[in-house]
């Protein structure tokens, strides 16, 4: 009782104290393990619920694209970049302009403002 409290105040770690610390650490590890198992189970069930099973397309008839477009032939399938054409005389700029206006060349930027905590007095 009193003797143990006096030793603890002096900073001496008693064997019972270290056992309590180890017990708390072990309990924390077990709790983390249980939480992880529960979380992984919930994630697995969520992934299974979100999985898209689409077998409806097998029952559908094939679509005649030319008839759908009113007799026109379907366009050639390519990429979205096929329509982009760069002029033959175009050259890339040597240096890109800055993304944000900064200080003039050689000038130093102003230091950031000093932020102080608000103490409620005004």
Foldseek 3Di string as FASTA:
>chain_A
DVVVVVCVVVVDDDPVNVVVVVVVVVVVVVVVVVVVVVVVVVVVVVVVVPDDDDPVVVVDDDDDVCVVVPNDDDDDDDDPCPPDDDDPPDDDDPDDDDPDDDDDPPDDGDDDDDDDDDPPDD
